[in-house]
Each structure stands twice: as C-alpha cells, then as structure tokens.
Amino acid sequence: MLIHYSITIVLVVSLIERIESNRRSVSWRAPGGFGRRLSNNNNDSSIEAVVIGNGIVPDVVDSVPNQLIKISYPSGVGVDLGNELTPFSVRNQPSIEWSIEPEAYYTLVMTDPDVPSRKDPTNAEVKHWLVINIPGNQVSKGESLAAYRGSGPPLGSGLHRYVFLVYKQPTLIINHSEPVIPTPAREGRLGFKVREFARKYHLGEPVAINFYLAQYDDYVGWMRAQSALTQKPSDIETTIVTTTVPTTTPLPPVKSQRSGGIRFGTKRRNAALKTWTPKMPDKPKFPQMVCINYDRYLEIQNELNN
C-alpha cells in the first residue's frame, strides 16, 4: 500500500511539473482577451497593451508603469504579464526584483480587484501582500503591513487578476494608521483600495507592475475544507448562523507509524463520511464554500503530507 501511494504521488508531481513547465512558455490575456496568446517581448509598448487590454487600467491604477517586476515562485513558476498560474503553484511567497534608484525606498503591493468575481467586484480589492519602506528591492528588509497570501478564488468566479505594483516613496513612511496583518488569514484584507492607499501616503503612480491570472481548483477546495474542519466550536456556530454554510466536527488524523503520513482507517473514514454527507445541501447559499467531496479532501491531504 505504501509503495502504491508513493508511485501515485510521484506521478502526480511529475504531471504537475510538466503542466507548469508548459504554462511558463506562454502568457495569456484576461477578458476581453482570455485565451489569446501574447509574445514575451516586454518592452514599454507591450506592457501598456497588455495592462490596458486586461483592464488593470482603469480598474486598479490610472497609468501604466514602464517597468516590469520580475517575480519567481519557489514552485518554479514565474509571473509573465497575465499568464495563468495555479493556486497551488503560488501558495508560497515569491522572490521579487525591480530596477531601483540609489538610496530610494519603495512600497510593494499585491492586490486582487476581482472579488468575488470580475463581473461583480463588490468586495474589491483584496490586499494579498503589502510591504512599505523597502530599501531598494530588498523586500525582506521592508516593513510588512500584510503578510503574503496566495490565490484562492471562489468556485465559479472565473479567472482573477493578481496584480503586483511597486511605488517609489518620496520619503520613509514613519507614522501610518494601517492595521498590521502578520499571517495569511483573510481577515482585514477585503475592501482594500490601492489608489486610496497611494494617495494617502503620497506615493504617486506605480513605477513597476506585473500580474498573473488564477482560478479555482482542487487545492482551493482543500484549503477551504481544511479551514472548516479546524474551526473552533464557537466559530462553526457563527458560520452556520450567518451563512448557512455546512461544517463538520474536526477530524483528528491518525499518524501512520510506517511513513509518518496521515491516513484514516476504514471505520473512522466511514463514520466521518456519515457526518459529512448529510450536511451537504442540494443548493448551498455559497457554493464556493462547498466545493470538494470528502474522498477528494482526504486524497489531497494525503498528497500534501507525504
């Protein structure tokens, strides 16, 4: 059984790497323009065409920067003016580079203007990452106001634009009134407006930009299911009352003595499944929260823990 799981995981990882490798070779446009290929020629005119063509001007900023931010993720993928990346591949904080001026300080922003969807951005924007007072492009030495949060688009919401912006600060931002978000938690991130932030701290227009597209996949479903399963009883009660989203009692995993991974015995799994299934409504109020069946949840959890 252990050999079977190991071979399966190797095959899955190999398939994901091949898919990501193919995706890195091209870039894509968002609507209007989803699915149309672009060249990788990142001169000023091509940056302007892609940024305007994807609606980032005027949805997020008022002008197009003439510099491209170089963004590389630990998974091996890179951001390339609207290429589509998977939420799994962008789950960890990337490395960032841009051209700098000597002794200058910068602000880095990552924002999602398509919340809950591009057609209905009523909660836009989501602040995915915010760092101020960055000396040059040494992001780790800046002041983090919001820790990096990867992509997690809701089920059925289509492709989201995840926009990175760099602003050159006129001076150090010493006194600010921004809440500090030290974890990837969602709280405190909705309703962010990068224009208002830039105006408040006299940042002017951004000097560099890049963005990628992402949509819901099984990894997002796993994250949401994991979050629901690990809620405290008081949180679960509040969620049910306010959103009528079904939840279930946290299930303590069984540690495998052989592999150190996580497995569920047949009796435990069947008992858990009986409590899971009846709580899945036919027409949930928020379908993006009920986005993965129990078997698939266990499969992904095992893959991530092995």
C-alpha atoms as a PDB file:
ATOM      1  CA  MET A   1       0.000   0.000   0.000  1.00  0.00           C
ATOM      2  CA  LEU A   2       2.864   2.378   0.865  1.00  0.00           C
ATOM      3  CA  ILE A   3       4.562   1.648  -2.464  1.00  0.00           C
ATOM      4  CA  HIS A   4       1.275   2.262  -4.296  1.00  0.00           C
ATOM      5  CA  TYR A   5       0.843   5.688  -2.663  1.00  0.00           C
ATOM      6  CA  SER A   6       4.472   6.634  -3.317  1.00  0.00           C
ATOM      7  CA  ILE A   7       4.190   5.805  -7.030  1.00  0.00           C
ATOM      8  CA  THR A   8       0.910   7.739  -7.276  1.00  0.00           C
ATOM      9  CA  ILE A   9       2.401  10.828  -5.642  1.00  0.00           C
ATOM     10  CA  VAL A  10       5.477  10.722  -7.880  1.00  0.00           C
ATOM     11  CA  LEU A  11       3.268  10.502 -10.962  1.00  0.00           C
ATOM     12  CA  VAL A  12       1.072  13.382  -9.770  1.00  0.00           C
ATOM     13  CA  VAL A  13       4.066  15.598  -9.003  1.00  0.00           C
ATOM     14  CA  SER A  14       5.628  14.759 -12.364  1.00  0.00           C
ATOM     15  CA  LEU A  15       2.393  15.633 -14.170  1.00  0.00           C
ATOM     16  CA  ILE A  16       2.071  18.938 -12.305  1.00  0.00           C
ATOM     17  CA  GLU A  17       5.666  19.862 -13.137  1.00  0.00           C
ATOM     18  CA  ARG A  18       5.077  19.139 -16.835  1.00  0.00           C
ATOM     19  CA  ILE A  19       1.925  21.252 -16.861  1.00  0.00           C
ATOM     20  CA  GLU A  20       3.632  24.144 -15.099  1.00  0.00           C
ATOM     21  CA  SER A  21       6.578  23.932 -17.477  1.00  0.00           C
ATOM     22  CA  ASN A  22       4.260  24.218 -20.464  1.00  0.00           C
ATOM     23  CA  ARG A  23       2.427  27.140 -18.877  1.00  0.00           C
ATOM     24  CA  ARG A  24       5.656  29.050 -18.300  1.00  0.00           C
ATOM     25  CA  SER A  25       6.410  29.046 -22.003  1.00  0.00           C
ATOM     26  CA  VAL A  26       3.415  31.241 -22.900  1.00  0.00           C
ATOM     27  CA  SER A  27       1.415  34.089 -21.442  1.00  0.00           C
ATOM     28  CA  TRP A  28      -2.286  34.775 -21.654  1.00  0.00           C
ATOM     29  CA  ARG A  29      -4.682  37.711 -21.648  1.00  0.00           C
ATOM     30  CA  ALA A  30      -7.707  38.207 -19.452  1.00  0.00           C
ATOM     31  CA  PRO A  31     -11.193  39.200 -20.762  1.00  0.00           C
ATOM     32  CA  GLY A  32     -11.597  40.807 -23.056  1.00  0.00           C
ATOM     33  CA  GLY A  33      -8.853  38.653 -24.240  1.00  0.00           C
ATOM     34  CA  PHE A  34      -8.911  35.454 -22.152  1.00  0.00           C
ATOM     35  CA  GLY A  35      -7.118  32.713 -24.008  1.00  0.00           C
ATOM     36  CA  ARG A  36      -5.270  34.802 -26.612  1.00  0.00           C
ATOM     37  CA  ARG A  37      -1.513  34.329 -26.740  1.00  0.00           C
ATOM     38  CA  LEU A  38       0.928  37.174 -26.375  1.00  0.00           C
ATOM     39  CA  SER A  39       4.590  37.398 -27.178  1.00  0.00           C
ATOM     40  CA  ASN A  40       7.108  37.565 -24.345  1.00  0.00           C
ATOM     41  CA  ASN A  41       8.535  40.850 -25.642  1.00  0.00           C
ATOM     42  CA  ASN A  42       8.327  43.010 -22.512  1.00  0.00           C
ATOM     43  CA  ASN A  43       9.065  46.451 -23.969  1.00  0.00           C
ATOM     44  CA  ASP A  44       7.106  49.548 -22.927  1.00  0.00           C
ATOM     45  CA  SER A  45       4.525  49.254 -25.692  1.00  0.00           C
ATOM     46  CA  SER A  46       3.789  45.586 -24.983  1.00  0.00           C
ATOM     47  CA  ILE A  47       3.433  46.247 -21.236  1.00  0.00           C
ATOM     48  CA  GLU A  48       0.990  49.053 -21.957  1.00  0.00           C
ATOM     49  CA  ALA A  49      -1.023  46.958 -24.416  1.00  0.00           C
ATOM     50  CA  VAL A  50      -1.375  44.020 -22.015  1.00  0.00           C
ATOM     51  CA  VAL A  51      -2.119  46.114 -18.904  1.00  0.00           C
ATOM     52  CA  ILE A  52      -4.782  48.178 -20.656  1.00  0.00           C
ATOM     53  CA  GLY A  53      -6.121  45.179 -22.556  1.00  0.00           C
ATOM     54  CA  ASN A  54      -6.686  43.343 -19.276  1.00  0.00           C
ATOM     55  CA  GLY A  55      -8.478  46.296 -17.699  1.00  0.00           C
ATOM     56  CA  ILE A  56      -5.922  46.912 -14.951  1.00  0.00           C
ATOM     57  CA  VAL A  57      -6.099  50.473 -16.194  1.00  0.00           C
ATOM     58  CA  PRO A  58      -8.605  51.767 -15.080  1.00  0.00           C
ATOM     59  CA  ASP A  59      -9.781  49.026 -12.662  1.00  0.00           C
ATOM     60  CA  VAL A  60      -6.722  49.204 -10.381  1.00  0.00           C
ATOM     61  CA  VAL A  61      -4.463  52.123 -11.378  1.00  0.00           C
ATOM     62  CA  ASP A  62      -4.694  55.167 -13.644  1.00  0.00           C
ATOM     63  CA  SER A  63      -1.465  54.838 -15.608  1.00  0.00           C
ATOM     64  CA  VAL A  64       0.809  52.110 -16.941  1.00  0.00           C
ATOM     65  CA  PRO A  65       4.294  51.816 -15.407  1.00  0.00           C
ATOM     66  CA  ASN A  66       7.118  51.362 -17.902  1.00  0.00           C
ATOM     67  CA  GLN A  67       8.980  48.789 -15.803  1.00  0.00           C
ATOM     68  CA  LEU A  68       8.231  45.109 -15.289  1.00  0.00           C
ATOM     69  CA  ILE A  69       8.623  43.395 -11.896  1.00  0.00           C
ATOM     70  CA  LYS A  70      10.480  40.084 -12.014  1.00  0.00           C
ATOM     71  CA  ILE A  71       8.552  37.568  -9.866  1.00  0.00           C
ATOM     72  CA  SER A  72       9.645  33.970  -9.250  1.00  0.00           C
ATOM     73  CA  TYR A  73       7.900  31.415  -7.017  1.00  0.00           C
ATOM     74  CA  PRO A  74       9.603  28.593  -5.084  1.00  0.00           C
ATOM     75  CA  SER A  75       7.481  26.138  -7.104  1.00  0.00           C
ATOM     76  CA  GLY A  76       9.445  27.140 -10.209  1.00  0.00           C
ATOM     77  CA  VAL A  77       6.791  29.247 -11.957  1.00  0.00           C
ATOM     78  CA  GLY A  78       7.154  32.905 -12.816  1.00  0.00           C
ATOM     79  CA  VAL A  79       4.761  35.786 -13.408  1.00  0.00           C
ATOM     80  CA  ASP A  80       4.647  36.971 -17.010  1.00  0.00           C
ATOM     81  CA  LEU A  81       2.090  39.707 -17.797  1.00  0.00           C
ATOM     82  CA  GLY A  82      -1.119  37.758 -17.407  1.00  0.00           C
ATOM     83  CA  ASN A  83      -0.033  34.134 -17.656  1.00  0.00           C
ATOM     84  CA  GLU A  84      -2.342  31.710 -15.874  1.00  0.00           C
ATOM     85  CA  LEU A  85      -0.906  30.039 -12.766  1.00  0.00           C
ATOM     86  CA  THR A  86      -2.464  27.529 -10.384  1.00  0.00           C
ATOM     87  CA  PRO A  87      -3.260  28.452  -6.761  1.00  0.00           C
ATOM     88  CA  PHE A  88      -1.060  25.531  -5.668  1.00  0.00           C
ATOM     89  CA  SER A  89       1.963  26.904  -7.536  1.00  0.00           C
ATOM     90  CA  VAL A  90       1.658  30.406  -5.966  1.00  0.00           C
ATOM     91  CA  ARG A  91       0.926  29.309  -2.401  1.00  0.00           C
ATOM     92  CA  ASN A  92       4.309  30.477  -1.060  1.00  0.00           C
ATOM     93  CA  GLN A  93       5.825  33.953  -1.051  1.00  0.00           C
ATOM     94  CA  PRO A  94       7.807  34.687  -4.237  1.00  0.00           C
ATOM     95  CA  SER A  95      11.097  36.461  -4.775  1.00  0.00           C
ATOM     96  CA  ILE A  96      10.768  39.956  -6.259  1.00  0.00           C
ATOM     97  CA  GLU A  97      13.141  42.162  -8.246  1.00  0.00           C
ATOM     98  CA  TRP A  98      12.844  45.532  -9.990  1.00  0.00           C
ATOM     99  CA  SER A  99      15.177  48.315 -11.081  1.00  0.00           C
ATOM    100  CA  ILE A 100      15.944  50.742  -8.271  1.00  0.00           C
ATOM    101  CA  GLU A 101      17.380  54.173  -7.669  1.00  0.00           C
ATOM    102  CA  PRO A 102      20.221  54.549  -5.133  1.00  0.00           C
ATOM    103  CA  GLU A 103      19.089  55.139  -1.542  1.00  0.00           C
ATOM    104  CA  ALA A 104      15.406  55.092  -2.528  1.00  0.00           C
ATOM    105  CA  TYR A 105      12.612  53.382  -0.577  1.00  0.00           C
ATOM    106  CA  TYR A 106       9.720  51.541  -2.165  1.00  0.00           C
ATOM    107  CA  THR A 107       6.286  50.106  -1.412  1.00  0.00           C
ATOM    108  CA  LEU A 108       5.192  46.707  -2.774  1.00  0.00           C
ATOM    109  CA  VAL A 109       1.514  45.821  -3.213  1.00  0.00           C
ATOM    110  CA  MET A 110      -0.219  42.657  -4.429  1.00  0.00           C
ATOM    111  CA  THR A 111      -3.963  43.065  -4.932  1.00  0.00           C
ATOM    112  CA  ASP A 112      -6.940  41.179  -6.369  1.00  0.00           C
ATOM    113  CA  PRO A 113      -9.574  43.511  -7.886  1.00  0.00           C
ATOM    114  CA  ASP A 114     -11.929  40.658  -8.870  1.00  0.00           C
ATOM    115  CA  VAL A 115     -13.675  39.837  -5.599  1.00  0.00           C
ATOM    116  CA  PRO A 116     -15.844  37.871  -5.502  1.00  0.00           C
ATOM    117  CA  SER A 117     -15.594  37.890  -9.336  1.00  0.00           C
ATOM    118  CA  ARG A 118     -14.578  40.193 -12.146  1.00  0.00           C
ATOM    119  CA  LYS A 119     -18.219  40.548 -13.204  1.00  0.00           C
ATOM    120  CA  ASP A 120     -19.292  41.516  -9.688  1.00  0.00           C
ATOM    121  CA  PRO A 121     -16.335  43.036  -7.786  1.00  0.00           C
ATOM    122  CA  THR A 122     -18.431  44.161  -4.804  1.00  0.00           C
ATOM    123  CA  ASN A 123     -15.727  43.338  -2.208  1.00  0.00           C
ATOM    124  CA  ALA A 124     -12.745  44.517  -4.232  1.00  0.00           C
ATOM    125  CA  GLU A 125      -9.942  44.739  -3.631  1.00  0.00           C
ATOM    126  CA  VAL A 126      -8.266  42.021  -1.551  1.00  0.00           C
ATOM    127  CA  LYS A 127      -4.922  43.021  -0.071  1.00  0.00           C
ATOM    128  CA  HIS A 128      -2.759  39.937  -0.719  1.00  0.00           C
ATOM    129  CA  TRP A 129       0.594  41.481   0.197  1.00  0.00           C
ATOM    130  CA  LEU A 130       1.725  44.899   1.406  1.00  0.00           C
ATOM    131  CA  VAL A 131       5.258  45.948   2.353  1.00  0.00           C
ATOM    132  CA  ILE A 132       6.438  49.546   2.863  1.00  0.00           C
ATOM    133  CA  ASN A 133       9.820  51.205   3.458  1.00  0.00           C
ATOM    134  CA  ILE A 134      11.695  48.698   1.305  1.00  0.00           C
ATOM    135  CA  PRO A 135      15.339  49.746   0.850  1.00  0.00           C
ATOM    136  CA  GLY A 136      15.977  49.203  -2.855  1.00  0.00           C
ATOM    137  CA  ASN A 137      14.319  45.910  -3.760  1.00  0.00           C
ATOM    138  CA  GLN A 138      15.234  44.078  -0.552  1.00  0.00           C
ATOM    139  CA  VAL A 139      11.669  43.142   0.352  1.00  0.00           C
ATOM    140  CA  SER A 140      12.702  41.193   3.451  1.00  0.00           C
ATOM    141  CA  LYS A 141      14.141  44.402   4.960  1.00  0.00           C
ATOM    142  CA  GLY A 142      10.938  46.390   4.472  1.00  0.00           C
ATOM    143  CA  GLU A 143       8.071  46.831   6.946  1.00  0.00           C
ATOM    144  CA  SER A 144       5.362  44.236   6.333  1.00  0.00           C
ATOM    145  CA  LEU A 145       1.820  45.524   6.792  1.00  0.00           C
ATOM    146  CA  ALA A 146       0.148  42.418   5.340  1.00  0.00           C
ATOM    147  CA  ALA A 147       1.821  39.022   5.085  1.00  0.00           C
ATOM    148  CA  TYR A 148       1.748  37.276   1.723  1.00  0.00           C
ATOM    149  CA  ARG A 149      -1.491  35.412   0.963  1.00  0.00           C
ATOM    150  CA  GLY A 150      -1.692  33.171  -2.096  1.00  0.00           C
ATOM    151  CA  SER A 151      -4.603  32.867  -4.508  1.00  0.00           C
ATOM    152  CA  GLY A 152      -7.888  31.237  -3.503  1.00  0.00           C
ATOM    153  CA  PRO A 153     -10.594  32.242  -5.997  1.00  0.00           C
ATOM    154  CA  PRO A 154     -14.122  31.021  -5.133  1.00  0.00           C
ATOM    155  CA  LEU A 155     -15.692  28.207  -7.131  1.00  0.00           C
ATOM    156  CA  GLY A 156     -17.414  29.502 -10.265  1.00  0.00           C
ATOM    157  CA  SER A 157     -15.912  33.001 -10.041  1.00  0.00           C
ATOM    158  CA  GLY A 158     -13.743  32.613 -13.161  1.00  0.00           C
ATOM    159  CA  LEU A 159     -10.223  33.933 -13.609  1.00  0.00           C
ATOM    160  CA  HIS A 160      -8.964  36.552 -11.153  1.00  0.00           C
ATOM    161  CA  ARG A 161      -6.242  39.111 -11.837  1.00  0.00           C
ATOM    162  CA  TYR A 162      -3.493  39.223  -9.211  1.00  0.00           C
ATOM    163  CA  VAL A 163      -1.655  42.499  -9.667  1.00  0.00           C
ATOM    164  CA  PHE A 164       1.786  43.370  -8.277  1.00  0.00           C
ATOM    165  CA  LEU A 165       2.667  47.078  -8.053  1.00  0.00           C
ATOM    166  CA  VAL A 166       5.798  48.896  -6.897  1.00  0.00           C
ATOM    167  CA  TYR A 167       5.714  52.550  -5.804  1.00  0.00           C
ATOM    168  CA  LYS A 168       8.711  54.748  -5.171  1.00  0.00           C
ATOM    169  CA  GLN A 169       8.239  56.534  -1.851  1.00  0.00           C
ATOM    170  CA  PRO A 170       9.066  60.241  -1.574  1.00  0.00           C
ATOM    171  CA  THR A 171      10.304  59.544   1.956  1.00  0.00           C
ATOM    172  CA  LEU A 172      10.139  56.958   4.711  1.00  0.00           C
ATOM    173  CA  ILE A 173       6.620  56.273   5.944  1.00  0.00           C
ATOM    174  CA  ILE A 174       7.121  56.741   9.675  1.00  0.00           C
ATOM    175  CA  ASN A 175       3.614  57.208  11.013  1.00  0.00           C
ATOM    176  CA  HIS A 176       0.846  55.168   9.445  1.00  0.00           C
ATOM    177  CA  SER A 177      -2.623  54.074  10.524  1.00  0.00           C
ATOM    178  CA  GLU A 178      -2.708  50.760   8.664  1.00  0.00           C
ATOM    179  CA  PRO A 179      -3.635  47.552  10.510  1.00  0.00           C
ATOM    180  CA  VAL A 180      -0.814  45.012  10.519  1.00  0.00           C
ATOM    181  CA  ILE A 181      -1.772  41.529   9.281  1.00  0.00           C
ATOM    182  CA  PRO A 182       1.045  39.170  10.308  1.00  0.00           C
ATOM    183  CA  THR A 183      -0.499  35.934   8.972  1.00  0.00           C
ATOM    184  CA  PRO A 184      -2.074  34.821   5.669  1.00  0.00           C
ATOM    185  CA  ALA A 185      -5.537  34.989   7.291  1.00  0.00           C
ATOM    186  CA  ARG A 186      -8.327  36.599   5.239  1.00  0.00           C
ATOM    187  CA  GLU A 187      -9.488  38.961   7.983  1.00  0.00           C
ATOM    188  CA  GLY A 188      -8.666  42.629   7.404  1.00  0.00           C
ATOM    189  CA  ARG A 189      -7.917  42.277   3.705  1.00  0.00           C
ATOM    190  CA  LEU A 190     -11.262  42.899   1.978  1.00  0.00           C
ATOM    191  CA  GLY A 191     -12.192  46.321   0.651  1.00  0.00           C
ATOM    192  CA  PHE A 192      -8.610  47.479   0.137  1.00  0.00           C
ATOM    193  CA  LYS A 193      -8.164  50.281  -2.427  1.00  0.00           C
ATOM    194  CA  VAL A 194      -4.648  50.652  -3.742  1.00  0.00           C
ATOM    195  CA  ARG A 195      -5.453  54.059  -5.266  1.00  0.00           C
ATOM    196  CA  GLU A 196      -6.578  55.404  -1.895  1.00  0.00           C
ATOM    197  CA  PHE A 197      -3.546  53.926  -0.160  1.00  0.00           C
ATOM    198  CA  ALA A 198      -1.173  55.530  -2.668  1.00  0.00           C
ATOM    199  CA  ARG A 199      -2.958  58.889  -2.346  1.00  0.00           C
ATOM    200  CA  LYS A 200      -2.924  58.742   1.464  1.00  0.00           C
ATOM    201  CA  TYR A 201       0.850  58.306   1.615  1.00  0.00           C
ATOM    202  CA  HIS A 202       1.697  60.474  -1.402  1.00  0.00           C
ATOM    203  CA  LEU A 203       3.147  57.614  -3.433  1.00  0.00           C
ATOM    204  CA  GLY A 204       2.070  58.919  -6.841  1.00  0.00           C
ATOM    205  CA  GLU A 205       1.738  56.410  -9.666  1.00  0.00           C
ATOM    206  CA  PRO A 206       3.414  52.960  -9.612  1.00  0.00           C
ATOM    207  CA  VAL A 207       6.838  52.621 -11.228  1.00  0.00           C
ATOM    208  CA  ALA A 208       6.657  48.867 -11.927  1.00  0.00           C
ATOM    209  CA  ILE A 209       3.989  46.224 -12.495  1.00  0.00           C
ATOM    210  CA  ASN A 210       3.285  42.584 -13.283  1.00  0.00           C
ATOM    211  CA  PHE A 211       0.312  40.260 -12.857  1.00  0.00           C
ATOM    212  CA  TYR A 212      -0.950  36.720 -13.312  1.00  0.00           C
ATOM    213  CA  LEU A 213      -4.327  35.026 -13.607  1.00  0.00           C
ATOM    214  CA  ALA A 214      -5.678  32.213 -11.432  1.00  0.00           C
ATOM    215  CA  GLN A 215      -8.956  30.386 -10.968  1.00  0.00           C
ATOM    216  CA  TYR A 216     -10.475  27.862  -8.587  1.00  0.00           C
ATOM    217  CA  ASP A 217      -9.015  24.355  -8.493  1.00  0.00           C
ATOM    218  CA  ASP A 218      -8.958  21.372  -6.105  1.00  0.00           C
ATOM    219  CA  TYR A 219      -6.228  22.932  -3.974  1.00  0.00           C
ATOM    220  CA  VAL A 220      -8.536  25.861  -3.141  1.00  0.00           C
ATOM    221  CA  GLY A 221     -11.241  23.341  -2.235  1.00  0.00           C
ATOM    222  CA  TRP A 222      -8.813  21.534   0.036  1.00  0.00           C
ATOM    223  CA  MET A 223      -7.835  24.792   1.776  1.00  0.00           C
ATOM    224  CA  ARG A 224     -11.469  25.751   2.378  1.00  0.00           C
ATOM    225  CA  ALA A 225     -12.379  22.291   3.641  1.00  0.00           C
ATOM    226  CA  GLN A 226      -9.314  22.277   5.889  1.00  0.00           C
ATOM    227  CA  SER A 227     -10.319  25.666   7.296  1.00  0.00           C
ATOM    228  CA  ALA A 228     -13.861  24.483   8.017  1.00  0.00           C
ATOM    229  CA  LEU A 229     -12.655  21.306   9.727  1.00  0.00           C
ATOM    230  CA  THR A 230     -10.264  23.136  12.042  1.00  0.00           C
ATOM    231  CA  GLN A 231     -12.621  25.876  13.223  1.00  0.00           C
ATOM    232  CA  LYS A 232     -13.347  26.234  16.924  1.00  0.00           C
ATOM    233  CA  PRO A 233     -16.891  25.289  18.025  1.00  0.00           C
ATOM    234  CA  SER A 234     -17.825  28.951  18.516  1.00  0.00           C
ATOM    235  CA  ASP A 235     -16.606  29.791  15.011  1.00  0.00           C
ATOM    236  CA  ILE A 236     -18.554  26.903  13.495  1.00  0.00           C
ATOM    237  CA  GLU A 237     -21.769  28.021  15.177  1.00  0.00           C
ATOM    238  CA  THR A 238     -21.324  31.574  13.930  1.00  0.00           C
ATOM    239  CA  THR A 239     -20.607  30.389  10.396  1.00  0.00           C
ATOM    240  CA  ILE A 240     -23.743  28.253  10.276  1.00  0.00           C
ATOM    241  CA  VAL A 241     -25.956  31.026  11.631  1.00  0.00           C
ATOM    242  CA  THR A 242     -24.654  33.792   9.404  1.00  0.00           C
ATOM    243  CA  THR A 243     -24.021  31.969   6.143  1.00  0.00           C
ATOM    244  CA  THR A 244     -25.797  28.612   6.465  1.00  0.00           C
ATOM    245  CA  VAL A 245     -22.575  27.036   5.198  1.00  0.00           C
ATOM    246  CA  PRO A 246     -22.360  23.381   6.367  1.00  0.00           C
ATOM    247  CA  THR A 247     -19.420  22.462   8.539  1.00  0.00           C
ATOM    248  CA  THR A 248     -18.378  19.388  10.452  1.00  0.00           C
ATOM    249  CA  THR A 249     -16.569  18.449  13.618  1.00  0.00           C
ATOM    250  CA  PRO A 250     -12.756  18.475  13.322  1.00  0.00           C
ATOM    251  CA  LEU A 251     -11.454  15.001  12.490  1.00  0.00           C
ATOM    252  CA  PRO A 252      -8.247  14.031  14.317  1.00  0.00           C
ATOM    253  CA  PRO A 253      -5.911  12.407  11.769  1.00  0.00           C
ATOM    254  CA  VAL A 254      -4.236   9.111  12.547  1.00  0.00           C
ATOM    255  CA  LYS A 255      -0.462   9.191  12.245  1.00  0.00           C
ATOM    256  CA  SER A 256       0.979   6.322  10.269  1.00  0.00           C
ATOM    257  CA  GLN A 257       3.765   4.615  12.199  1.00  0.00           C
ATOM    258  CA  ARG A 258       5.379   3.413   8.986  1.00  0.00           C
ATOM    259  CA  SER A 259       5.527   6.511   6.790  1.00  0.00           C
ATOM    260  CA  GLY A 260       4.827   9.438   9.112  1.00  0.00           C
ATOM    261  CA  GLY A 261       1.989  10.444   6.761  1.00  0.00           C
ATOM    262  CA  ILE A 262      -1.701  10.778   7.545  1.00  0.00           C
ATOM    263  CA  ARG A 263      -4.209   8.027   6.962  1.00  0.00           C
ATOM    264  CA  PHE A 264      -7.744   7.184   8.007  1.00  0.00           C
ATOM    265  CA  GLY A 265      -8.908   3.687   8.930  1.00  0.00           C
ATOM    266  CA  THR A 266     -11.950   2.350   7.119  1.00  0.00           C
ATOM    267  CA  LYS A 267     -14.202   2.544  10.184  1.00  0.00           C
ATOM    268  CA  ARG A 268     -13.105   6.071  11.031  1.00  0.00           C
ATOM    269  CA  ARG A 269     -13.492   7.219   7.434  1.00  0.00           C
ATOM    270  CA  ASN A 270     -16.984   5.725   7.077  1.00  0.00           C
ATOM    271  CA  ALA A 271     -18.098   7.246  10.371  1.00  0.00           C
ATOM    272  CA  ALA A 272     -16.748  10.652   9.361  1.00  0.00           C
ATOM    273  CA  LEU A 273     -18.359  10.402   5.935  1.00  0.00           C
ATOM    274  CA  LYS A 274     -21.766   9.786   7.555  1.00  0.00           C
ATOM    275  CA  THR A 275     -21.478  13.078   9.448  1.00  0.00           C
ATOM    276  CA  TRP A 276     -20.145  14.918   6.384  1.00  0.00           C
ATOM    277  CA  THR A 277     -22.645  13.881   3.703  1.00  0.00           C
ATOM    278  CA  PRO A 278     -25.983  14.840   5.370  1.00  0.00           C
ATOM    279  CA  LYS A 279     -24.731  18.387   5.890  1.00  0.00           C
ATOM    280  CA  MET A 280     -24.134  18.989   2.190  1.00  0.00           C
ATOM    281  CA  PRO A 281     -27.222  20.886   0.938  1.00  0.00           C
ATOM    282  CA  ASP A 282     -28.552  20.398  -2.581  1.00  0.00           C
ATOM    283  CA  LYS A 283     -28.348  24.124  -3.282  1.00  0.00           C
ATOM    284  CA  PRO A 284     -25.937  25.791  -0.833  1.00  0.00           C
ATOM    285  CA  LYS A 285     -26.182  29.527  -0.405  1.00  0.00           C
ATOM    286  CA  PHE A 286     -22.453  29.869  -1.001  1.00  0.00           C
ATOM    287  CA  PRO A 287     -21.439  27.067  -3.375  1.00  0.00           C
ATOM    288  CA  GLN A 288     -17.798  28.134  -3.325  1.00  0.00           C
ATOM    289  CA  MET A 289     -17.628  27.027   0.310  1.00  0.00           C
ATOM    290  CA  VAL A 290     -18.929  23.530  -0.505  1.00  0.00           C
ATOM    291  CA  CYS A 291     -16.503  22.759  -3.230  1.00  0.00           C
ATOM    292  CA  ILE A 292     -14.952  19.373  -2.632  1.00  0.00           C
ATOM    293  CA  ASN A 293     -16.203  15.957  -1.605  1.00  0.00           C
ATOM    294  CA  TYR A 294     -14.813  14.112   1.373  1.00  0.00           C
ATOM    295  CA  ASP A 295     -12.895  11.495  -0.604  1.00  0.00           C
ATOM    296  CA  ARG A 296     -11.109  14.167  -2.644  1.00  0.00           C
ATOM    297  CA  TYR A 297     -10.328  16.122   0.531  1.00  0.00           C
ATOM    298  CA  LEU A 298      -8.575  13.086   2.015  1.00  0.00           C
ATOM    299  CA  GLU A 299      -6.689  12.418  -1.203  1.00  0.00           C
ATOM    300  CA  ILE A 300      -5.256  15.963  -1.316  1.00  0.00           C
ATOM    301  CA  GLN A 301      -4.450  15.933   2.404  1.00  0.00           C
ATOM    302  CA  ASN A 302      -2.522  12.693   1.989  1.00  0.00           C
ATOM    303  CA  GLU A 303      -0.632  14.046  -1.044  1.00  0.00           C
ATOM    304  CA  LEU A 304       0.408  17.208   0.788  1.00  0.00           C
ATOM    305  CA  ASN A 305       1.532  15.348   3.886  1.00  0.00           C
ATOM    306  CA  ASN A 306       3.567  12.652   2.127  1.00  0.00           C
END
